Protein backbone atom coordinates (compact mmCIF):
# COMPACT_ATOMS: atom_id res chain seq x y z
CA MET A 1 -27.50 -52.33 31.68
CA ALA A 2 -30.73 -50.98 33.18
CA ASN A 3 -30.61 -48.67 36.14
CA LYS A 4 -32.02 -49.75 39.48
CA VAL A 5 -35.69 -48.82 39.64
CA TYR A 6 -37.70 -48.21 42.81
CA TYR A 7 -41.18 -49.76 42.89
CA ASN A 8 -43.69 -48.66 45.50
CA PRO A 9 -45.87 -51.23 47.36
CA PRO A 10 -48.85 -51.14 44.92
CA GLN A 11 -46.52 -51.63 41.97
CA GLN A 12 -44.73 -54.51 43.71
CA VAL A 13 -47.92 -56.30 44.74
CA THR A 14 -49.33 -56.03 41.21
CA MET A 15 -46.10 -57.21 39.64
CA TYR A 16 -45.64 -60.23 41.91
CA THR A 17 -49.30 -61.24 41.78
CA GLY A 18 -49.03 -61.53 38.01
CA ALA A 19 -52.74 -62.22 37.54
CA HIS A 20 -54.15 -63.02 34.11
CA THR A 21 -56.48 -60.00 34.35
CA THR A 22 -55.43 -56.94 36.33
CA ILE A 23 -57.54 -53.84 37.01
CA PHE A 24 -55.34 -51.21 38.65
CA LEU A 25 -57.13 -48.08 39.87
CA GLY A 26 -54.69 -45.60 41.31
CA GLY A 27 -54.35 -41.92 42.14
CA ARG A 28 -52.27 -39.44 40.17
CA ARG A 29 -48.51 -39.94 40.14
CA LEU A 30 -48.84 -43.31 41.80
CA GLY A 31 -46.80 -44.66 38.90
CA LYS A 32 -49.48 -46.51 36.95
CA THR A 33 -47.83 -46.17 33.56
CA HIS A 34 -44.19 -46.01 34.68
CA GLY A 35 -44.27 -48.68 37.37
CA VAL A 36 -47.10 -50.98 36.33
CA ALA A 37 -47.61 -50.75 32.56
CA ALA A 38 -43.92 -50.66 31.55
CA PRO A 39 -42.86 -53.75 33.61
CA TRP A 40 -45.98 -55.57 32.41
CA VAL A 41 -45.10 -54.86 28.77
CA LYS A 42 -41.48 -55.91 29.39
CA ARG A 43 -42.56 -59.19 30.99
CA ASN A 44 -44.95 -60.08 28.19
CA PHE A 45 -42.82 -59.28 25.17
CA GLN A 46 -39.77 -61.01 26.68
CA GLN A 47 -41.55 -64.12 27.92
CA MET A 48 -43.47 -64.42 24.66
CA PRO A 49 -40.95 -63.59 21.90
CA ARG A 50 -42.47 -62.99 18.45
CA SER A 51 -45.89 -62.46 20.08
CA SER A 52 -48.47 -59.80 19.22
CA GLY A 53 -49.90 -57.56 21.92
CA GLY A 54 -52.34 -54.69 21.80
CA PHE A 55 -52.39 -51.23 23.41
CA VAL A 56 -55.94 -49.90 23.30
CA PHE A 57 -56.45 -46.12 23.46
CA PRO A 58 -59.71 -44.18 23.98
CA SER A 59 -58.57 -42.16 20.97
CA TYR A 60 -55.46 -41.88 18.87
CA LYS A 61 -54.85 -38.40 20.27
CA ARG A 62 -55.03 -39.59 23.91
CA GLY A 63 -52.72 -42.46 23.05
CA LEU A 64 -50.07 -40.11 21.66
CA THR A 65 -50.41 -37.46 24.36
CA ASN A 66 -51.07 -39.47 27.52
CA THR A 67 -50.45 -43.23 27.28
CA LEU A 68 -47.50 -43.70 24.95
CA PRO A 69 -45.09 -41.06 26.36
CA GLY A 70 -45.36 -42.44 29.90
CA THR A 71 -44.99 -46.04 28.76
CA LEU A 72 -41.90 -45.24 26.68
CA LYS A 73 -40.39 -43.32 29.58
CA GLY A 74 -41.01 -46.27 31.88
CA LEU A 75 -39.41 -48.66 29.38
CA GLU A 76 -36.43 -46.33 29.07
CA SER A 77 -35.91 -46.53 32.83
CA LEU A 78 -35.68 -50.29 32.34
CA GLY A 79 -32.89 -49.80 29.79
CA PHE A 80 -34.83 -49.91 26.51
CA LYS A 81 -34.23 -47.23 23.91
CA ARG A 82 -36.21 -46.27 20.85
CA ASP A 83 -34.57 -47.10 17.50
CA LEU A 84 -32.20 -49.47 19.29
CA HIS A 85 -34.38 -52.01 21.07
CA TYR A 86 -37.62 -51.13 19.29
CA VAL A 87 -39.02 -49.00 16.49
CA ILE A 88 -42.45 -47.37 16.14
CA GLY A 89 -44.55 -46.96 13.02
CA ARG A 90 -42.19 -48.74 10.64
CA LYS A 91 -40.58 -52.07 9.87
CA PRO A 92 -37.02 -52.32 11.23
CA SER A 93 -34.22 -52.45 8.69
CA LYS A 94 -32.52 -55.80 8.15
CA SER A 95 -29.30 -54.35 9.56
CA MET A 96 -30.95 -54.06 12.97
CA GLY A 97 -31.19 -57.83 13.16
CA PHE A 98 -34.66 -57.94 14.72
CA GLY A 99 -36.63 -61.19 14.87
CA LYS A 100 -39.86 -61.72 12.94
CA PRO A 101 -43.32 -61.86 14.52
CA ILE A 102 -45.18 -65.16 14.28
CA ILE A 103 -47.94 -63.25 12.49
CA GLU A 104 -46.50 -60.31 10.58
CA PRO A 105 -48.58 -57.12 10.32
CA ALA A 106 -50.19 -56.13 7.04
CA ASN A 107 -48.61 -52.71 7.63
CA TYR A 108 -46.50 -51.19 10.38
CA GLU A 109 -48.06 -47.74 10.66
CA HIS A 110 -49.54 -48.39 14.12
CA VAL A 111 -47.09 -50.98 15.42
CA MET A 112 -44.33 -51.05 18.03
CA TYR A 113 -41.72 -53.60 16.91
CA TRP A 114 -39.20 -55.18 19.35
CA TYR A 115 -35.76 -56.70 18.85
CA ASN A 116 -36.99 -60.24 19.58
CA GLY A 117 -39.77 -60.10 17.00
CA SER A 118 -42.52 -59.17 19.46
CA ILE A 119 -44.92 -56.43 18.38
CA GLN A 120 -47.69 -54.36 19.90
CA TYR A 121 -50.52 -52.88 17.88
CA PHE A 122 -51.90 -49.42 18.72
CA ILE A 123 -55.68 -49.79 18.78
CA SER A 124 -57.68 -46.54 18.86
CA GLN A 125 -61.38 -46.64 19.60
CA ASP A 126 -61.97 -43.59 17.44
CA ILE A 127 -60.59 -45.43 14.39
CA ILE A 128 -63.28 -47.80 13.15
CA GLY A 129 -62.09 -51.37 12.77
CA SER A 130 -58.62 -50.87 14.26
CA SER A 131 -59.05 -54.23 16.08
CA ASN A 132 -60.37 -56.07 13.03
CA SER A 133 -58.41 -59.09 11.77
CA LEU A 134 -55.91 -58.88 14.63
CA THR A 135 -54.77 -61.94 16.58
CA LEU A 136 -53.47 -60.76 19.94
CA ASP A 137 -51.62 -62.54 22.72
CA TYR A 138 -52.32 -59.89 25.38
CA LEU A 139 -54.05 -56.55 25.78
CA MET A 140 -53.38 -53.38 27.76
CA GLY A 141 -55.52 -50.26 28.19
CA ASP A 142 -54.40 -47.12 30.00
CA GLU A 143 -56.89 -44.39 31.02
CA GLY A 144 -59.48 -47.13 31.30
CA LYS A 145 -62.25 -44.83 32.53
CA PHE A 146 -62.35 -43.23 29.06
CA LEU A 147 -62.60 -46.54 27.18
CA ASP A 148 -65.90 -47.59 25.65
CA TYR A 149 -66.65 -50.99 27.16
CA GLU A 150 -69.13 -51.94 24.42
CA LYS A 151 -66.44 -51.42 21.80
CA LEU A 152 -64.02 -53.45 23.89
CA LYS A 153 -66.46 -56.34 24.07
CA ASP A 154 -67.48 -56.19 20.42
CA GLU A 155 -64.20 -55.34 18.70
CA THR A 156 -61.14 -55.84 20.89
CA PHE A 157 -61.69 -58.67 23.38
CA PRO A 158 -62.44 -61.16 20.56
CA ALA A 159 -59.04 -60.33 19.04
CA ASN A 160 -57.27 -61.31 22.27
CA GLY A 161 -57.07 -64.98 21.36
CA GLY A 162 -53.55 -65.59 20.08
CA ILE A 163 -52.08 -68.92 19.05
CA LYS A 164 -52.04 -71.26 22.05
CA SER A 165 -49.60 -73.68 20.43
CA TYR A 166 -46.80 -71.13 20.98
CA PHE A 167 -47.64 -69.62 24.35
CA GLY A 168 -50.39 -71.76 25.89
CA HIS A 169 -48.06 -72.86 28.72
CA ILE A 170 -47.38 -69.25 29.78
CA PRO A 171 -49.82 -67.87 32.39
CA TYR A 172 -49.66 -64.39 30.86
CA HIS A 173 -50.96 -65.53 27.48
CA HIS A 174 -54.19 -63.65 26.67
CA SER A 175 -53.59 -61.54 29.79
CA MET A 176 -55.18 -58.10 30.18
CA LEU A 177 -54.15 -54.99 32.10
CA PHE A 178 -56.35 -51.92 32.51
CA LEU A 179 -55.18 -48.86 34.41
CA SER A 180 -57.10 -45.76 35.45
CA ASP A 181 -57.80 -43.34 38.23
CA MET A 182 -61.19 -43.74 39.88
CA PRO A 183 -64.07 -43.26 37.39
CA SER A 184 -66.31 -40.31 38.25
CA SER A 185 -69.04 -41.05 35.69
CA LYS A 186 -71.03 -44.03 34.47
CA ARG A 187 -68.80 -44.44 31.41
CA GLY A 188 -65.91 -45.86 33.42
CA SER A 189 -68.02 -47.85 35.87
CA TRP A 190 -67.36 -51.10 33.96
CA LEU A 191 -63.95 -51.21 35.63
CA LEU A 192 -65.54 -51.39 39.07
CA ASN A 193 -67.41 -54.56 38.15
CA PHE A 194 -64.16 -56.52 38.11
CA ARG A 195 -63.97 -56.32 41.89
CA GLU A 196 -66.78 -58.86 42.05
CA ARG A 197 -64.86 -61.19 39.73
CA MET A 198 -61.78 -61.32 41.94
CA ASP A 199 -61.38 -64.50 44.01
CA ASN A 200 -59.68 -63.23 47.15
CA ASP A 201 -58.79 -66.74 48.27
CA LEU A 202 -57.06 -67.38 44.96
CA ILE A 203 -55.06 -64.14 45.25
CA ASP A 204 -54.08 -65.08 48.82
CA ALA A 205 -52.97 -68.49 47.57
CA ILE A 206 -50.80 -66.87 44.90
CA HIS A 207 -49.18 -64.64 47.50
CA GLY A 208 -48.69 -67.64 49.78
CA ILE A 209 -46.91 -69.60 47.05
CA ILE A 210 -44.66 -66.64 46.27
CA TYR A 211 -43.73 -66.40 49.95
CA GLU A 212 -43.10 -70.15 50.18
CA GLN A 213 -40.82 -70.00 47.14
CA TRP A 214 -38.92 -67.12 48.71
CA LYS A 215 -38.35 -69.18 51.85
CA ILE A 216 -37.02 -72.10 49.76
CA ARG A 217 -34.61 -69.81 47.89
CA GLU A 218 -33.39 -68.32 51.16
CA ARG A 219 -32.88 -71.79 52.63
CA ILE A 220 -30.93 -72.98 49.58
CA LYS A 221 -28.80 -69.83 49.71
CA ASP A 222 -28.10 -70.42 53.39
CA LEU A 223 -27.17 -74.07 52.80
CA LYS A 224 -24.78 -73.09 50.00
CA ALA A 225 -23.16 -70.46 52.19
CA LYS A 226 -22.60 -73.09 54.87
CA LYS A 227 -21.43 -75.59 52.19
CA LYS A 228 -24.08 -78.06 53.23
CA PRO A 229 -25.89 -80.42 50.83
CA ILE A 230 -29.24 -79.35 49.43
CA PRO A 231 -32.00 -81.90 50.06
CA LYS A 232 -33.33 -83.32 46.77
CA TYR A 233 -36.93 -82.61 47.68
CA LEU A 234 -36.38 -78.83 47.82
CA PRO A 235 -35.84 -78.24 44.05
CA THR A 236 -38.65 -80.69 43.30
CA TYR A 237 -40.98 -78.93 45.71
CA TYR A 238 -39.98 -75.56 44.21
CA ARG A 239 -40.84 -76.77 40.68
CA THR A 240 -44.20 -78.09 41.90
CA LEU A 241 -44.96 -74.71 43.46
CA SER A 242 -43.98 -72.96 40.22
CA LYS A 243 -46.36 -75.13 38.20
CA THR A 244 -49.19 -74.46 40.64
CA LEU A 245 -48.41 -70.75 40.63
CA SER A 246 -48.66 -70.64 36.84
CA GLU A 247 -52.00 -72.44 36.93
CA PHE A 248 -53.38 -70.05 39.52
CA ARG A 249 -52.10 -66.97 37.73
CA SER A 250 -53.58 -68.07 34.41
CA VAL A 251 -57.15 -67.80 35.79
CA ALA A 252 -56.73 -65.05 38.40
CA VAL A 253 -58.42 -61.64 38.35
CA TYR A 254 -56.72 -58.99 40.46
CA TYR A 255 -58.61 -55.79 41.23
CA ALA A 256 -57.12 -53.06 43.43
CA GLU A 257 -57.76 -49.43 44.36
CA TRP A 258 -54.75 -47.43 45.51
CA SER A 259 -54.41 -43.88 46.79
CA SER A 260 -51.56 -41.61 45.64
CA ILE A 261 -50.49 -41.58 49.30
CA GLU A 262 -49.10 -45.09 48.72
CA ASN A 263 -46.31 -43.36 46.77
CA LEU A 264 -45.60 -40.86 49.55
CA LEU A 265 -41.91 -41.79 49.72
CA VAL A 266 -41.45 -40.47 46.16
CA LEU A 267 -44.09 -37.73 46.03
CA GLY A 268 -43.57 -36.25 49.47
CA GLU A 269 -46.18 -34.88 51.82
CA ASN A 270 -46.13 -31.42 50.21
CA TYR A 271 -47.37 -32.84 46.88
CA ILE A 272 -50.46 -34.34 48.50
CA LYS A 273 -51.12 -31.05 50.31
CA GLN A 274 -50.67 -29.10 47.09
CA MET A 275 -53.10 -31.37 45.22
CA LYS A 276 -55.63 -30.93 48.00
CA ARG A 277 -55.27 -27.17 47.56
CA ASP A 278 -55.26 -27.11 43.77
CA LEU A 279 -57.81 -29.76 42.80
CA PRO A 280 -61.59 -29.54 43.17
CA PRO A 281 -63.02 -31.96 45.74
CA LEU A 282 -64.44 -34.31 43.11
CA VAL A 283 -61.12 -34.60 41.30
CA PHE A 284 -59.09 -34.86 44.51
CA GLN A 285 -61.32 -37.62 45.85
CA THR A 286 -61.17 -39.66 42.62
CA SER A 287 -57.77 -38.78 41.14
CA ILE A 288 -55.67 -38.65 44.32
CA LEU A 289 -57.47 -40.64 47.03
CA CYS A 290 -59.01 -43.01 44.46
CA LYS A 291 -62.37 -43.01 46.24
CA ARG A 292 -65.65 -44.04 44.73
CA LEU A 293 -68.23 -41.27 44.56
CA GLY A 294 -71.95 -41.46 44.13
CA VAL A 295 -73.56 -40.08 40.96
CA LEU A 296 -75.57 -36.87 41.33
CA LYS A 297 -79.28 -37.57 40.85
CA ASP A 298 -81.93 -35.14 39.59
CA GLY A 299 -79.34 -32.60 38.44
CA PHE A 300 -80.08 -29.49 36.41
CA TYR A 301 -79.06 -31.32 33.21
CA SER A 302 -80.95 -34.50 34.05
CA SER A 303 -81.19 -35.60 30.40
CA LEU A 304 -77.45 -35.37 29.79
CA ASN A 305 -76.24 -38.82 28.76
CA SER A 306 -72.57 -39.55 28.11
CA LYS A 307 -73.42 -42.27 25.58
CA ILE A 308 -75.61 -39.90 23.57
CA HIS A 309 -74.28 -36.38 24.06
CA TYR A 310 -70.49 -36.90 24.26
CA TYR A 311 -68.33 -37.55 21.24
CA THR A 312 -64.67 -37.84 20.22
CA ARG A 313 -63.62 -36.59 16.79
CA ASN A 314 -59.90 -36.09 16.38
CA ASN A 315 -58.06 -35.38 13.14
CA ASN A 316 -56.17 -38.65 13.03
CA ASP A 317 -54.77 -37.95 9.55
CA TYR A 318 -52.98 -34.92 10.97
CA LEU A 319 -51.84 -36.81 14.07
CA GLN A 320 -50.54 -39.73 12.03
CA ALA A 321 -48.63 -37.36 9.77
CA LEU A 322 -46.57 -36.32 12.81
CA ASP A 323 -44.98 -39.80 12.61
CA TYR A 324 -44.99 -40.35 16.39
CA ASN A 325 -43.17 -37.09 17.08
CA LEU A 326 -44.46 -36.88 20.63
CA LYS A 327 -43.11 -33.34 21.14
CA ALA A 328 -45.01 -31.98 18.16
CA ILE A 329 -48.28 -33.40 19.45
CA GLN A 330 -48.00 -31.18 22.54
CA ASP A 331 -48.48 -28.06 20.38
CA ASN A 332 -52.25 -27.95 20.78
CA SER A 333 -54.39 -26.39 18.08
CA SER A 334 -57.64 -27.00 16.22
CA LEU A 335 -55.65 -28.92 13.59
CA GLN A 336 -56.01 -31.90 15.93
CA ASP A 337 -59.83 -31.72 15.78
CA SER A 338 -62.00 -33.12 13.01
CA ASP A 339 -65.30 -31.64 14.24
CA ILE A 340 -64.26 -28.12 13.29
CA GLN A 341 -65.66 -26.63 10.07
CA PRO A 342 -62.78 -24.35 8.97
CA LEU A 343 -64.84 -22.32 6.46
CA GLU A 344 -67.63 -21.53 8.93
CA PRO A 345 -67.64 -18.98 11.76
CA ILE A 346 -67.43 -20.20 15.35
CA CYS A 347 -70.21 -19.39 17.78
CA VAL A 348 -69.13 -18.37 21.27
CA ALA A 349 -70.83 -17.53 24.55
CA MET A 350 -69.29 -16.47 27.82
CA ASP A 351 -69.77 -16.11 31.53
CA TYR A 352 -68.24 -13.19 33.43
CA ASN A 353 -67.09 -13.09 37.03
CA ALA A 354 -64.48 -11.32 39.09
CA ASN A 355 -62.40 -14.46 39.69
CA ILE A 356 -63.21 -16.80 36.78
CA ASN A 357 -64.34 -16.20 33.22
CA TRP A 358 -65.54 -18.81 30.72
CA LEU A 359 -65.86 -19.15 26.96
CA VAL A 360 -67.72 -22.03 25.29
CA ALA A 361 -67.37 -22.47 21.52
CA GLY A 362 -69.64 -24.34 19.12
CA GLN A 363 -70.74 -24.81 15.54
CA LYS A 364 -73.98 -26.02 13.97
CA GLU A 365 -73.87 -29.33 12.12
CA GLU A 366 -77.18 -30.54 10.70
CA ARG A 367 -79.55 -30.67 13.71
CA PHE A 368 -76.81 -30.56 16.32
CA ILE A 369 -74.65 -28.03 18.14
CA ASN A 370 -71.11 -29.35 18.35
CA VAL A 371 -69.66 -27.92 21.56
CA LEU A 372 -66.14 -27.80 20.17
CA LYS A 373 -64.13 -26.59 23.13
CA SER A 374 -64.35 -24.56 26.32
CA PHE A 375 -61.84 -22.19 27.91
CA TYR A 376 -61.56 -20.48 31.29
CA VAL A 377 -59.18 -18.06 33.03
CA LYS A 378 -58.84 -17.29 36.72
CA TYR A 379 -57.89 -14.36 38.94
CA GLU A 380 -55.30 -12.07 37.33
CA ARG A 381 -55.99 -13.51 33.87
CA LYS A 382 -59.09 -11.68 32.70
CA LEU A 383 -61.28 -11.53 29.59
CA PRO A 384 -58.51 -10.40 27.18
CA SER A 385 -56.43 -13.44 28.15
CA LEU A 386 -59.44 -15.68 27.65
CA ILE A 387 -59.96 -14.35 24.13
CA ASP A 388 -56.25 -14.70 23.42
CA ASP A 389 -56.37 -18.38 24.45
CA PHE A 390 -59.26 -19.00 22.06
CA CYS A 391 -57.55 -17.20 19.19
CA HIS A 392 -54.29 -19.06 19.74
CA TYR A 393 -55.99 -22.46 19.72
CA TYR A 394 -57.94 -21.58 16.55
CA ARG A 395 -55.04 -19.73 14.92
CA HIS A 396 -55.26 -22.02 11.85
CA HIS A 397 -59.00 -21.51 11.40
CA MET A 398 -59.64 -20.28 7.86
CA LYS A 399 -62.74 -18.11 8.50
CA LYS A 400 -61.73 -15.95 11.42
CA LYS A 401 -65.19 -14.83 12.43
CA VAL A 402 -67.09 -15.41 15.66
CA ILE A 403 -70.80 -15.17 16.35
CA PHE A 404 -70.83 -13.75 19.87
CA TYR A 405 -73.99 -14.56 21.84
CA TYR A 406 -74.46 -12.44 24.93
CA ASP A 407 -77.26 -11.39 27.24
CA SER A 408 -77.90 -8.36 29.44
CA THR A 409 -75.31 -9.51 32.02
CA ALA A 410 -72.60 -8.48 29.52
CA ILE A 411 -73.84 -4.90 29.30
CA LYS A 412 -72.93 -2.08 31.66
CA SER A 413 -70.80 -4.36 33.80
CA ASN A 414 -67.02 -4.48 33.93
CA TYR A 415 -65.89 -6.10 37.20
CA ALA A 416 -64.02 -8.77 35.24
CA VAL A 417 -62.00 -6.19 33.26
CA SER A 418 -59.67 -3.37 34.14
CA ASP A 419 -61.16 -0.47 32.14
CA ASP A 420 -64.45 1.36 31.73
CA ASP A 421 -65.86 -0.73 28.88
CA ASP A 422 -68.48 -3.36 29.58
CA PHE A 423 -67.90 -7.06 28.96
CA ALA A 424 -69.43 -7.12 25.50
CA GLU A 425 -67.25 -4.28 24.24
CA VAL A 426 -64.07 -5.76 25.73
CA VAL A 427 -64.82 -9.09 24.02
CA ARG A 428 -65.54 -7.48 20.64
CA ARG A 429 -62.43 -5.31 20.70
CA ARG A 430 -60.09 -8.12 21.80
CA PHE A 431 -61.29 -10.46 19.05
CA GLU A 432 -60.71 -7.71 16.49
CA GLN A 433 -57.24 -7.03 17.89
CA ASN A 434 -56.49 -10.70 17.23
CA GLY A 435 -57.63 -10.38 13.63
CA TRP A 436 -61.12 -11.86 14.03
CA SER A 437 -64.38 -10.25 12.95
CA VAL A 438 -67.29 -10.34 15.38
CA GLU A 439 -71.02 -10.57 14.76
CA MET A 440 -72.73 -9.40 17.95
CA MET A 441 -75.88 -11.41 18.82
CA TYR A 442 -77.77 -9.92 21.76
CA ILE A 443 -80.33 -12.36 23.20
CA GLY A 444 -81.93 -10.15 25.86
CA ASN A 445 -82.34 -10.90 29.54
CA PRO A 446 -81.28 -14.27 30.95
CA TRP A 447 -84.03 -16.86 30.95
CA LYS A 448 -85.65 -18.07 34.15
CA HIS A 449 -84.00 -21.19 35.46
CA LYS A 450 -87.08 -23.37 35.10
CA ASP A 451 -87.48 -22.35 31.43
CA LYS A 452 -83.79 -22.89 30.76
CA HIS A 453 -83.89 -26.30 32.45
CA LEU A 454 -86.94 -27.46 30.49
CA PHE A 455 -85.74 -26.15 27.13
CA ILE A 456 -82.22 -27.59 27.30
CA ASN A 457 -83.35 -30.97 28.60
CA LEU A 458 -86.00 -31.22 25.88
CA LEU A 459 -83.29 -30.41 23.34
CA MET A 460 -81.14 -33.20 24.78
CA LYS A 461 -84.06 -35.56 24.34
CA GLY A 462 -84.35 -34.42 20.71
CA ILE A 463 -88.08 -33.70 20.85
CA ILE A 464 -88.21 -29.96 20.06
CA GLU A 465 -89.17 -29.24 16.47
CA ASN A 466 -86.21 -27.74 14.56
CA GLY A 467 -84.21 -27.81 17.78
CA LEU A 468 -80.43 -28.16 17.79
CA THR A 469 -79.31 -30.85 20.23
CA PRO A 470 -76.06 -30.04 22.05
CA MET A 471 -73.27 -32.58 21.54
CA ILE A 472 -70.05 -32.20 23.55
CA ASN A 473 -66.49 -32.95 22.42
CA GLU A 474 -65.44 -34.99 25.42
CA GLU A 475 -61.68 -34.49 25.15
CA ASN A 476 -61.91 -30.71 24.74
CA ASN A 477 -64.41 -30.01 27.55
CA GLU A 478 -63.25 -31.97 30.58
CA GLU A 479 -63.95 -29.25 33.18
CA LEU A 480 -67.22 -28.21 31.55
CA ILE A 481 -68.50 -31.79 31.53
CA ILE A 482 -67.80 -32.22 35.24
CA ALA A 483 -69.56 -28.92 35.94
CA LEU A 484 -72.59 -30.00 33.89
CA GLU A 485 -72.74 -33.43 35.50
CA THR A 486 -72.56 -32.02 39.02
CA ALA A 487 -74.85 -29.00 38.61
CA GLY A 488 -77.62 -29.38 41.16
CA THR A 489 -81.02 -27.84 41.66
CA LYS A 490 -82.82 -26.16 44.54
CA ILE A 491 -86.04 -24.35 45.37
CA GLY A 492 -85.18 -20.69 45.87
CA ARG A 493 -87.18 -17.52 46.32
CA ASN A 494 -88.09 -17.63 42.63
CA GLY A 495 -89.01 -21.30 42.70
CA PHE A 496 -87.02 -23.97 40.82
CA GLU A 497 -83.39 -22.90 40.26
CA LYS A 498 -79.98 -24.16 39.26
CA ASP A 499 -78.02 -24.39 42.49
CA LYS A 500 -75.47 -21.60 42.03
CA SER A 501 -74.96 -21.00 45.74
CA GLY A 502 -71.28 -21.90 45.58
CA GLU A 503 -70.36 -19.31 42.95
CA LYS A 504 -70.01 -16.38 45.34
CA LEU A 505 -67.94 -18.26 47.90
CA ALA A 506 -64.20 -17.73 48.08
CA GLU A 507 -62.17 -20.47 46.47
CA SER A 508 -60.77 -22.95 48.95
CA GLU A 509 -58.84 -26.19 48.81
CA GLU A 510 -62.19 -27.98 49.14
CA ASP A 511 -64.03 -25.97 46.48
CA LYS A 512 -62.31 -24.87 43.27
CA LEU A 513 -63.76 -22.32 40.88
CA GLU A 514 -63.60 -24.18 37.57
CA TYR A 515 -65.94 -26.98 38.68
CA ARG A 516 -68.74 -24.71 39.81
CA THR A 517 -71.70 -23.67 37.69
CA ASP A 518 -70.12 -20.62 35.99
CA GLY A 519 -69.12 -22.58 32.90
CA THR A 520 -72.57 -24.13 32.64
CA ASP A 521 -74.08 -20.64 32.31
CA ALA A 522 -71.90 -19.97 29.26
CA PHE A 523 -73.05 -23.34 27.88
CA ASP A 524 -76.68 -22.34 28.44
CA THR A 525 -76.22 -19.03 26.61
CA LEU A 526 -74.61 -20.77 23.64
CA VAL A 527 -77.34 -23.41 23.37
CA ILE A 528 -80.18 -20.91 23.73
CA GLY A 529 -78.55 -18.42 21.38
CA MET A 530 -77.84 -20.88 18.58
CA ASN A 531 -81.37 -22.28 18.83
CA LYS A 532 -83.39 -19.09 19.18
CA TYR A 533 -81.15 -16.61 17.32
CA PRO A 534 -79.60 -18.36 14.31
CA TYR A 535 -77.02 -16.22 12.59
CA GLU A 536 -77.23 -15.27 8.91
CA GLY A 537 -75.97 -18.12 6.78
CA SER A 538 -76.58 -20.84 9.37
CA MET A 539 -79.77 -21.98 7.61
CA GLY A 540 -81.41 -22.19 11.04
CA MET A 541 -85.15 -21.93 11.59
CA GLY A 542 -85.11 -21.43 15.36
CA ALA A 543 -86.44 -23.96 17.83
CA MET A 544 -90.24 -24.05 17.98
CA TRP A 545 -90.66 -23.73 21.73
CA LYS A 546 -91.60 -20.84 23.96
CA GLY A 547 -89.94 -20.39 27.33
């Protein structure tokens, strides 16, 4: 028997509304997966036995690391156990006595199979055609702000058209649920458009019917307690309300934005205070308070376009070989990435500061720079720790060689290290201590901001002859991307500049270090270095542009 489960007000309202399409935007630890997704899945697979649902993931890796563990934990709190009530990635044995789906899968590799014959397909947007040929009865997407809406429209929504002859009378047939915290970029803005599709009067009517039904149940309970007869019209009226409720729910769109504070009874006041201290303002506003933020205009990287310059390339063969061992997936390494070239060196560039230090890693691929991953350390963790983090993540890399691009800021300075060596020497020695060889690539003095701005933005537009356009692995550079997207400009004493005024300020609960411009400087060095100073063996010509 399932344990009693507490549901906070946003979870309860969403559950009882039961709209055909639900867009739930909520802050961190509001209970989106545990208290919204899990009950939604339970309702659908139980009310539509032998049905076929779909869980859509931004990528297979995100599905295994973020979405699936929380959903399974939520289902466990409802009394459901893996390999007893459901199996994942395989067909259940006959001895388990499970029912059969109305439409059986061609294979069970990416399927969750329930005791009553219901199944859910795992649909990953980084696996081409994972929605093809599917006939779905409902669809759920967690981390909606990372989903590609064009792929949803073209590949997945058309599959959500299951057989009406079986479930056409159920208001949840063809239903959709998308959960996310507040999008902070254009990519997730499609979720916000659903607010305009919500009919507030219809939602109020649904809530009114639910309240009216509750009053009828209470009256019947009271009459039974007093051993009085129940008027015949009450059950009839209740059934009429139920029919109307189903009709309303079947066409309703419910859109809601909820702050994490709505779950204060569970989280406690100290958690909110801690998040305000620990998170940068942008993340706190979107991920905790669930507030909409405006998009920075005329930024330093004005040509940066998420649809063009961001990519996701995970090693799904490796991830699938883990056979849904969710603990093993937590052991992060480059084996999970498919953009890495294991027989080629990795190019790195860094930024050095007293309180935060950055490393950005990339490799050349045709006419592109793949920004593979970025790392940073803060305060007591200095440059050696930063290098150690890189070496640990790439511990399986076959050619343990780095091309280290650095400028004059890495020479004769050591305020980010604890000995007398300058930054460049500390970096070289630490890589070698970790078993990596280092090719030192000195690129001279830092470029003027206006030259840097023009060069990098022209590269992003792809119009520099022989230029290498930077492309960013979205899942491995979350902090760097936010820093790039929010990097502003100003007119300083030297004219046009990147606005780096916040770098020298002490970190506060309103202004965290990792979302400032420090990481973008390491990005700049890498992009300039790989374009203007190609290493031996890279087959590079050097970008034909003078700064």
